[in-house]
Amino acid sequence: MAQSSQELGIFLTPMQLEQFQVYHEELAEWNQRVNLTSVVERHEVQVKHFLDSFTVCLALPGGLNSSIRVVDVGAG
């Protein structure tokens, strides 16, 4: 995840990487109770849920230095 995000110009801190790990663990746990997503494998979650959301930063005027706030609500 760290390397893939760096390729997008996004440098995650160790704490942020840990938070994404916890998010993935919670998603996997809750997905067993409630059908939240068909994407559950770690690599797929990183690509389809996390990294895909980061790509919007490439389109922002000023990139990550922008003060614009965005929300990725998905299509599902």
PDB file of N, CA and C in Angstrom:
ATOM      1  N   MET A   1       0.824  -1.178   0.000  1.00  0.00           N
ATOM      2  CA  MET A   1       0.000   0.000   0.000  1.00  0.00           C
ATOM      3  C   MET A   1       0.876   1.252   0.000  1.00  0.00           C
ATOM      4  N   ALA A   2       1.931   1.242   0.789  1.00  0.00           N
ATOM      5  CA  ALA A   2       2.811   2.408   0.859  1.00  0.00           C
ATOM      6  C   ALA A   2       3.432   2.698  -0.496  1.00  0.00           C
ATOM      7  N   GLN A   3       3.944   1.677  -1.148  1.00  0.00           N
ATOM      8  CA  GLN A   3       4.591   1.873  -2.449  1.00  0.00           C
ATOM      9  C   GLN A   3       3.581   2.316  -3.498  1.00  0.00           C
ATOM     10  N   SER A   4       2.427   1.690  -3.527  1.00  0.00           N
ATOM     11  CA  SER A   4       1.412   2.045  -4.530  1.00  0.00           C
ATOM     12  C   SER A   4       0.922   3.472  -4.344  1.00  0.00           C
ATOM     13  N   SER A   5       0.738   3.893  -3.101  1.00  0.00           N
ATOM     14  CA  SER A   5       0.298   5.265  -2.865  1.00  0.00           C
ATOM     15  C   SER A   5       1.401   6.260  -3.230  1.00  0.00           C
ATOM     16  N   GLN A   6       2.664   5.892  -2.988  1.00  0.00           N
ATOM     17  CA  GLN A   6       3.779   6.766  -3.354  1.00  0.00           C
ATOM     18  C   GLN A   6       3.848   6.963  -4.858  1.00  0.00           C
ATOM     19  N   GLU A   7       3.494   5.936  -5.610  1.00  0.00           N
ATOM     20  CA  GLU A   7       3.473   6.057  -7.069  1.00  0.00           C
ATOM     21  C   GLU A   7       2.440   7.083  -7.523  1.00  0.00           C
ATOM     22  N   LEU A   8       1.429   7.334  -6.689  1.00  0.00           N
ATOM     23  CA  LEU A   8       0.430   8.364  -6.978  1.00  0.00           C
ATOM     24  C   LEU A   8       0.849   9.720  -6.405  1.00  0.00           C
ATOM     25  N   GLY A   9       1.998   9.758  -5.734  1.00  0.00           N
ATOM     26  CA  GLY A   9       2.462  10.997  -5.122  1.00  0.00           C
ATOM     27  C   GLY A   9       1.884  11.220  -3.739  1.00  0.00           C
ATOM     28  N   ILE A  10       1.355  10.161  -3.137  1.00  0.00           N
ATOM     29  CA  ILE A  10       0.756  10.244  -1.809  1.00  0.00           C
ATOM     30  C   ILE A  10       1.630   9.447  -0.846  1.00  0.00           C
ATOM     31  N   PHE A  11       2.189  10.127   0.125  1.00  0.00           N
ATOM     32  CA  PHE A  11       3.110   9.499   1.065  1.00  0.00           C
ATOM     33  C   PHE A  11       2.406   9.339   2.410  1.00  0.00           C
ATOM     34  N   LEU A  12       2.063   8.101   2.730  1.00  0.00           N
ATOM     35  CA  LEU A  12       1.326   7.805   3.949  1.00  0.00           C
ATOM     36  C   LEU A  12       2.283   7.596   5.115  1.00  0.00           C
ATOM     37  N   THR A  13       1.880   8.091   6.263  1.00  0.00           N
ATOM     38  CA  THR A  13       2.671   7.897   7.479  1.00  0.00           C
ATOM     39  C   THR A  13       2.446   6.476   8.003  1.00  0.00           C
ATOM     40  N   PRO A  14       3.339   5.997   8.859  1.00  0.00           N
ATOM     41  CA  PRO A  14       3.111   4.682   9.468  1.00  0.00           C
ATOM     42  C   PRO A  14       1.758   4.603  10.185  1.00  0.00           C
ATOM     43  N   MET A  15       1.362   5.683  10.829  1.00  0.00           N
ATOM     44  CA  MET A  15       0.068   5.690  11.518  1.00  0.00           C
ATOM     45  C   MET A  15      -1.082   5.558  10.516  1.00  0.00           C
ATOM     46  N   GLN A  16      -1.004   6.257   9.397  1.00  0.00           N
ATOM     47  CA  GLN A  16      -2.044   6.157   8.377  1.00  0.00           C
ATOM     48  C   GLN A  16      -2.109   4.749   7.795  1.00  0.00           C
ATOM     49  N   LEU A  17      -0.960   4.133   7.568  1.00  0.00           N
ATOM     50  CA  LEU A  17      -0.935   2.761   7.069  1.00  0.00           C
ATOM     51  C   LEU A  17      -1.584   1.817   8.072  1.00  0.00           C
ATOM     52  N   GLU A  18      -1.317   2.021   9.349  1.00  0.00           N
ATOM     53  CA  GLU A  18      -1.939   1.208  10.398  1.00  0.00           C
ATOM     54  C   GLU A  18      -3.456   1.420  10.408  1.00  0.00           C
ATOM     55  N   GLN A  19      -3.892   2.655  10.215  1.00  0.00           N
ATOM     56  CA  GLN A  19      -5.325   2.941  10.195  1.00  0.00           C
ATOM     57  C   GLN A  19      -6.010   2.247   9.018  1.00  0.00           C
ATOM     58  N   PHE A  20      -5.357   2.209   7.870  1.00  0.00           N
ATOM     59  CA  PHE A  20      -5.922   1.479   6.734  1.00  0.00           C
ATOM     60  C   PHE A  20      -5.986  -0.017   7.030  1.00  0.00           C
ATOM     61  N   GLN A  21      -4.988  -0.540   7.738  1.00  0.00           N
ATOM     62  CA  GLN A  21      -4.998  -1.956   8.116  1.00  0.00           C
ATOM     63  C   GLN A  21      -6.173  -2.255   9.043  1.00  0.00           C
ATOM     64  N   VAL A  22      -6.378  -1.404  10.023  1.00  0.00           N
ATOM     65  CA  VAL A  22      -7.501  -1.581  10.949  1.00  0.00           C
ATOM     66  C   VAL A  22      -8.819  -1.487  10.189  1.00  0.00           C
ATOM     67  N   TYR A  23      -8.925  -0.536   9.283  1.00  0.00           N
ATOM     68  CA  TYR A  23     -10.137  -0.391   8.465  1.00  0.00           C
ATOM     69  C   TYR A  23     -10.408  -1.685   7.699  1.00  0.00           C
ATOM     70  N   HIS A  24      -9.366  -2.249   7.089  1.00  0.00           N
ATOM     71  CA  HIS A  24      -9.530  -3.497   6.335  1.00  0.00           C
ATOM     72  C   HIS A  24      -9.995  -4.628   7.248  1.00  0.00           C
ATOM     73  N   GLU A  25      -9.411  -4.728   8.427  1.00  0.00           N
ATOM     74  CA  GLU A  25      -9.806  -5.775   9.371  1.00  0.00           C
ATOM     75  C   GLU A  25     -11.261  -5.614   9.792  1.00  0.00           C
ATOM     76  N   GLU A  26     -11.676  -4.390  10.073  1.00  0.00           N
ATOM     77  CA  GLU A  26     -13.069  -4.125  10.451  1.00  0.00           C
ATOM     78  C   GLU A  26     -14.014  -4.430   9.293  1.00  0.00           C
ATOM     79  N   LEU A  27     -13.616  -4.042   8.096  1.00  0.00           N
ATOM     80  CA  LEU A  27     -14.431  -4.318   6.911  1.00  0.00           C
ATOM     81  C   LEU A  27     -14.629  -5.819   6.741  1.00  0.00           C
ATOM     82  N   ALA A  28     -13.552  -6.580   6.879  1.00  0.00           N
ATOM     83  CA  ALA A  28     -13.639  -8.035   6.732  1.00  0.00           C
ATOM     84  C   ALA A  28     -14.529  -8.641   7.810  1.00  0.00           C
ATOM     85  N   GLU A  29     -14.387  -8.154   9.034  1.00  0.00           N
ATOM     86  CA  GLU A  29     -15.199  -8.691  10.131  1.00  0.00           C
ATOM     87  C   GLU A  29     -16.682  -8.389   9.930  1.00  0.00           C
ATOM     88  N   TRP A  30     -16.994  -7.135   9.630  1.00  0.00           N
ATOM     89  CA  TRP A  30     -18.399  -6.757   9.467  1.00  0.00           C
ATOM     90  C   TRP A  30     -19.001  -7.330   8.192  1.00  0.00           C
ATOM     91  N   ASN A  31     -18.181  -7.572   7.209  1.00  0.00           N
ATOM     92  CA  ASN A  31     -18.679  -8.148   5.961  1.00  0.00           C
ATOM     93  C   ASN A  31     -19.196  -9.575   6.172  1.00  0.00           C
ATOM     94  N   GLN A  32     -18.721 -10.250   7.207  1.00  0.00           N
ATOM     95  CA  GLN A  32     -19.229 -11.584   7.526  1.00  0.00           C
ATOM     96  C   GLN A  32     -20.645 -11.519   8.085  1.00  0.00           C
ATOM     97  N   ARG A  33     -20.996 -10.400   8.717  1.00  0.00           N
ATOM     98  CA  ARG A  33     -22.321 -10.229   9.318  1.00  0.00           C
ATOM     99  C   ARG A  33     -23.304  -9.568   8.365  1.00  0.00           C
ATOM    100  N   VAL A  34     -22.799  -8.575   7.638  1.00  0.00           N
ATOM    101  CA  VAL A  34     -23.618  -7.788   6.716  1.00  0.00           C
ATOM    102  C   VAL A  34     -22.883  -7.757   5.385  1.00  0.00           C
ATOM    103  N   ASN A  35     -23.560  -8.030   4.315  1.00  0.00           N
ATOM    104  CA  ASN A  35     -22.915  -8.045   3.001  1.00  0.00           C
ATOM    105  C   ASN A  35     -22.585  -6.615   2.570  1.00  0.00           C
ATOM    106  N   LEU A  36     -21.399  -6.163   2.924  1.00  0.00           N
ATOM    107  CA  LEU A  36     -20.976  -4.801   2.607  1.00  0.00           C
ATOM    108  C   LEU A  36     -20.306  -4.702   1.248  1.00  0.00           C
ATOM    109  N   THR A  37     -19.523  -5.723   0.895  1.00  0.00           N
ATOM    110  CA  THR A  37     -18.759  -5.677  -0.346  1.00  0.00           C
ATOM    111  C   THR A  37     -18.388  -7.089  -0.778  1.00  0.00           C
ATOM    112  N   SER A  38     -18.234  -7.250  -2.079  1.00  0.00           N
ATOM    113  CA  SER A  38     -17.743  -8.540  -2.584  1.00  0.00           C
ATOM    114  C   SER A  38     -16.216  -8.546  -2.642  1.00  0.00           C
ATOM    115  N   VAL A  39     -15.626  -7.385  -2.466  1.00  0.00           N
ATOM    116  CA  VAL A  39     -14.167  -7.242  -2.479  1.00  0.00           C
ATOM    117  C   VAL A  39     -13.676  -7.408  -1.042  1.00  0.00           C
ATOM    118  N   VAL A  40     -13.005  -8.528  -0.758  1.00  0.00           N
ATOM    119  CA  VAL A  40     -12.566  -8.781   0.612  1.00  0.00           C
ATOM    120  C   VAL A  40     -11.087  -9.153   0.733  1.00  0.00           C
ATOM    121  N   GLU A  41     -10.465  -9.574  -0.359  1.00  0.00           N
ATOM    122  CA  GLU A  41      -9.044  -9.913  -0.307  1.00  0.00           C
ATOM    123  C   GLU A  41      -8.229  -8.643  -0.074  1.00  0.00           C
ATOM    124  N   ARG A  42      -7.199  -8.758   0.756  1.00  0.00           N
ATOM    125  CA  ARG A  42      -6.426  -7.582   1.171  1.00  0.00           C
ATOM    126  C   ARG A  42      -5.955  -6.724  -0.003  1.00  0.00           C
ATOM    127  N   HIS A  43      -5.314  -7.348  -0.992  1.00  0.00           N
ATOM    128  CA  HIS A  43      -4.797  -6.574  -2.125  1.00  0.00           C
ATOM    129  C   HIS A  43      -5.935  -5.907  -2.893  1.00  0.00           C
ATOM    130  N   GLU A  44      -7.022  -6.616  -3.096  1.00  0.00           N
ATOM    131  CA  GLU A  44      -8.167  -6.044  -3.816  1.00  0.00           C
ATOM    132  C   GLU A  44      -8.772  -4.873  -3.054  1.00  0.00           C
ATOM    133  N   VAL A  45      -8.871  -5.000  -1.736  1.00  0.00           N
ATOM    134  CA  VAL A  45      -9.402  -3.904  -0.918  1.00  0.00           C
ATOM    135  C   VAL A  45      -8.496  -2.687  -1.044  1.00  0.00           C
ATOM    136  N   GLN A  46      -7.184  -2.913  -0.981  1.00  0.00           N
ATOM    137  CA  GLN A  46      -6.248  -1.799  -1.103  1.00  0.00           C
ATOM    138  C   GLN A  46      -6.408  -1.084  -2.435  1.00  0.00           C
ATOM    139  N   VAL A  47      -6.528  -1.843  -3.515  1.00  0.00           N
ATOM    140  CA  VAL A  47      -6.624  -1.240  -4.848  1.00  0.00           C
ATOM    141  C   VAL A  47      -7.998  -0.639  -5.090  1.00  0.00           C
ATOM    142  N   LYS A  48      -9.042  -1.417  -4.885  1.00  0.00           N
ATOM    143  CA  LYS A  48     -10.388  -1.000  -5.292  1.00  0.00           C
ATOM    144  C   LYS A  48     -11.086  -0.074  -4.301  1.00  0.00           C
ATOM    145  N   HIS A  49     -10.705  -0.139  -3.031  1.00  0.00           N
ATOM    146  CA  HIS A  49     -11.353   0.733  -2.050  1.00  0.00           C
ATOM    147  C   HIS A  49     -10.479   1.915  -1.649  1.00  0.00           C
ATOM    148  N   PHE A  50      -9.191   1.694  -1.491  1.00  0.00           N
ATOM    149  CA  PHE A  50      -8.326   2.758  -0.991  1.00  0.00           C
ATOM    150  C   PHE A  50      -7.620   3.516  -2.115  1.00  0.00           C
ATOM    151  N   LEU A  51      -6.819   2.825  -2.901  1.00  0.00           N
ATOM    152  CA  LEU A  51      -6.017   3.501  -3.923  1.00  0.00           C
ATOM    153  C   LEU A  51      -6.881   4.162  -4.996  1.00  0.00           C
ATOM    154  N   ASP A  52      -7.971   3.518  -5.398  1.00  0.00           N
ATOM    155  CA  ASP A  52      -8.869   4.145  -6.374  1.00  0.00           C
ATOM    156  C   ASP A  52      -9.398   5.479  -5.859  1.00  0.00           C
ATOM    157  N   SER A  53      -9.670   5.551  -4.561  1.00  0.00           N
ATOM    158  CA  SER A  53     -10.156   6.802  -3.977  1.00  0.00           C
ATOM    159  C   SER A  53      -9.083   7.884  -3.986  1.00  0.00           C
ATOM    160  N   PHE A  54      -7.820   7.471  -3.857  1.00  0.00           N
ATOM    161  CA  PHE A  54      -6.725   8.443  -3.868  1.00  0.00           C
ATOM    162  C   PHE A  54      -6.553   9.116  -5.225  1.00  0.00           C
ATOM    163  N   THR A  55      -6.951   8.445  -6.298  1.00  0.00           N
ATOM    164  CA  THR A  55      -6.696   8.992  -7.630  1.00  0.00           C
ATOM    165  C   THR A  55      -7.390  10.324  -7.860  1.00  0.00           C
ATOM    166  N   VAL A  56      -8.442  10.631  -7.112  1.00  0.00           N
ATOM    167  CA  VAL A  56      -9.103  11.926  -7.264  1.00  0.00           C
ATOM    168  C   VAL A  56      -8.135  13.063  -6.928  1.00  0.00           C
ATOM    169  N   CYS A  57      -7.170  12.799  -6.076  1.00  0.00           N
ATOM    170  CA  CYS A  57      -6.186  13.828  -5.707  1.00  0.00           C
ATOM    171  C   CYS A  57      -5.399  14.313  -6.914  1.00  0.00           C
ATOM    172  N   LEU A  58      -5.238  13.439  -7.900  1.00  0.00           N
ATOM    173  CA  LEU A  58      -4.499  13.817  -9.105  1.00  0.00           C
ATOM    174  C   LEU A  58      -5.252  14.868  -9.918  1.00  0.00           C
ATOM    175  N   ALA A  59      -6.570  14.927  -9.760  1.00  0.00           N
ATOM    176  CA  ALA A  59      -7.384  15.858 -10.535  1.00  0.00           C
ATOM    177  C   ALA A  59      -7.640  17.176  -9.808  1.00  0.00           C
ATOM    178  N   LEU A  60      -7.312  17.254  -8.541  1.00  0.00           N
ATOM    179  CA  LEU A  60      -7.566  18.472  -7.778  1.00  0.00           C
ATOM    180  C   LEU A  60      -6.603  19.579  -8.185  1.00  0.00           C
ATOM    181  N   PRO A  61      -7.120  20.794  -8.356  1.00  0.00           N
ATOM    182  CA  PRO A  61      -6.212  21.914  -8.591  1.00  0.00           C
ATOM    183  C   PRO A  61      -5.297  22.063  -7.369  1.00  0.00           C
ATOM    184  N   GLY A  62      -4.022  21.988  -7.562  1.00  0.00           N
ATOM    185  CA  GLY A  62      -3.084  22.072  -6.447  1.00  0.00           C
ATOM    186  C   GLY A  62      -2.764  20.725  -5.834  1.00  0.00           C
ATOM    187  N   GLY A  63      -3.370  19.666  -6.359  1.00  0.00           N
ATOM    188  CA  GLY A  63      -3.091  18.319  -5.858  1.00  0.00           C
ATOM    189  C   GLY A  63      -3.391  18.183  -4.384  1.00  0.00           C
ATOM    190  N   LEU A  64      -2.492  17.555  -3.660  1.00  0.00           N
ATOM    191  CA  LEU A  64      -2.688  17.346  -2.229  1.00  0.00           C
ATOM    192  C   LEU A  64      -2.553  18.625  -1.417  1.00  0.00           C
ATOM    193  N   ASN A  65      -1.995  19.668  -2.028  1.00  0.00           N
ATOM    194  CA  ASN A  65      -1.866  20.942  -1.326  1.00  0.00           C
ATOM    195  C   ASN A  65      -3.146  21.757  -1.397  1.00  0.00           C
ATOM    196  N   SER A  66      -4.144  21.239  -2.079  1.00  0.00           N
ATOM    197  CA  SER A  66      -5.413  21.929  -2.226  1.00  0.00           C
ATOM    198  C   SER A  66      -6.179  21.933  -0.908  1.00  0.00           C
ATOM    199  N   SER A  67      -6.936  22.998  -0.672  1.00  0.00           N
ATOM    200  CA  SER A  67      -7.778  23.052   0.526  1.00  0.00           C
ATOM    201  C   SER A  67      -9.194  22.549   0.230  1.00  0.00           C
ATOM    202  N   ILE A  68      -9.403  22.054  -0.984  1.00  0.00           N
ATOM    203  CA  ILE A  68     -10.705  21.522  -1.380  1.00  0.00           C
ATOM    204  C   ILE A  68     -10.959  20.222  -0.632  1.00  0.00           C
ATOM    205  N   ARG A  69     -12.198  20.028  -0.189  1.00  0.00           N
ATOM    206  CA  ARG A  69     -12.581  18.778   0.461  1.00  0.00           C
ATOM    207  C   ARG A  69     -13.460  17.986  -0.488  1.00  0.00           C
ATOM    208  N   VAL A  70     -13.217  16.683  -0.554  1.00  0.00           N
ATOM    209  CA  VAL A  70     -14.003  15.816  -1.421  1.00  0.00           C
ATOM    210  C   VAL A  70     -14.421  14.570  -0.646  1.00  0.00           C
ATOM    211  N   VAL A  71     -15.492  13.942  -1.131  1.00  0.00           N
ATOM    212  CA  VAL A  71     -15.973  12.693  -0.552  1.00  0.00           C
ATOM    213  C   VAL A  71     -16.176  11.714  -1.688  1.00  0.00           C
ATOM    214  N   ASP A  72     -15.672  10.501  -1.524  1.00  0.00           N
ATOM    215  CA  ASP A  72     -15.890   9.433  -2.498  1.00  0.00           C
ATOM    216  C   ASP A  72     -17.048   8.595  -1.981  1.00  0.00           C
ATOM    217  N   VAL A  73     -18.235   8.766  -2.582  1.00  0.00           N
ATOM    218  CA  VAL A  73     -19.416   8.038  -2.118  1.00  0.00           C
ATOM    219  C   VAL A  73     -19.629   6.753  -2.886  1.00  0.00           C
ATOM    220  N   GLY A  74     -18.863   6.528  -3.931  1.00  0.00           N
ATOM    221  CA  GLY A  74     -18.983   5.294  -4.704  1.00  0.00           C
ATOM    222  C   GLY A  74     -20.281   5.224  -5.478  1.00  0.00           C
ATOM    223  N   ALA A  75     -20.486   4.095  -6.111  1.00  0.00           N
ATOM    224  CA  ALA A  75     -21.691   3.921  -6.920  1.00  0.00           C
ATOM    225  C   ALA A  75     -22.607   2.847  -6.339  1.00  0.00           C
ATOM    226  N   GLY A  76     -22.168   2.189  -5.298  1.00  0.00           N
ATOM    227  CA  GLY A  76     -22.954   1.104  -4.720  1.00  0.00           C
ATOM    228  C   GLY A  76     -23.745   1.591  -3.593  1.00  0.00           C
TER     229      GLY A  76
END
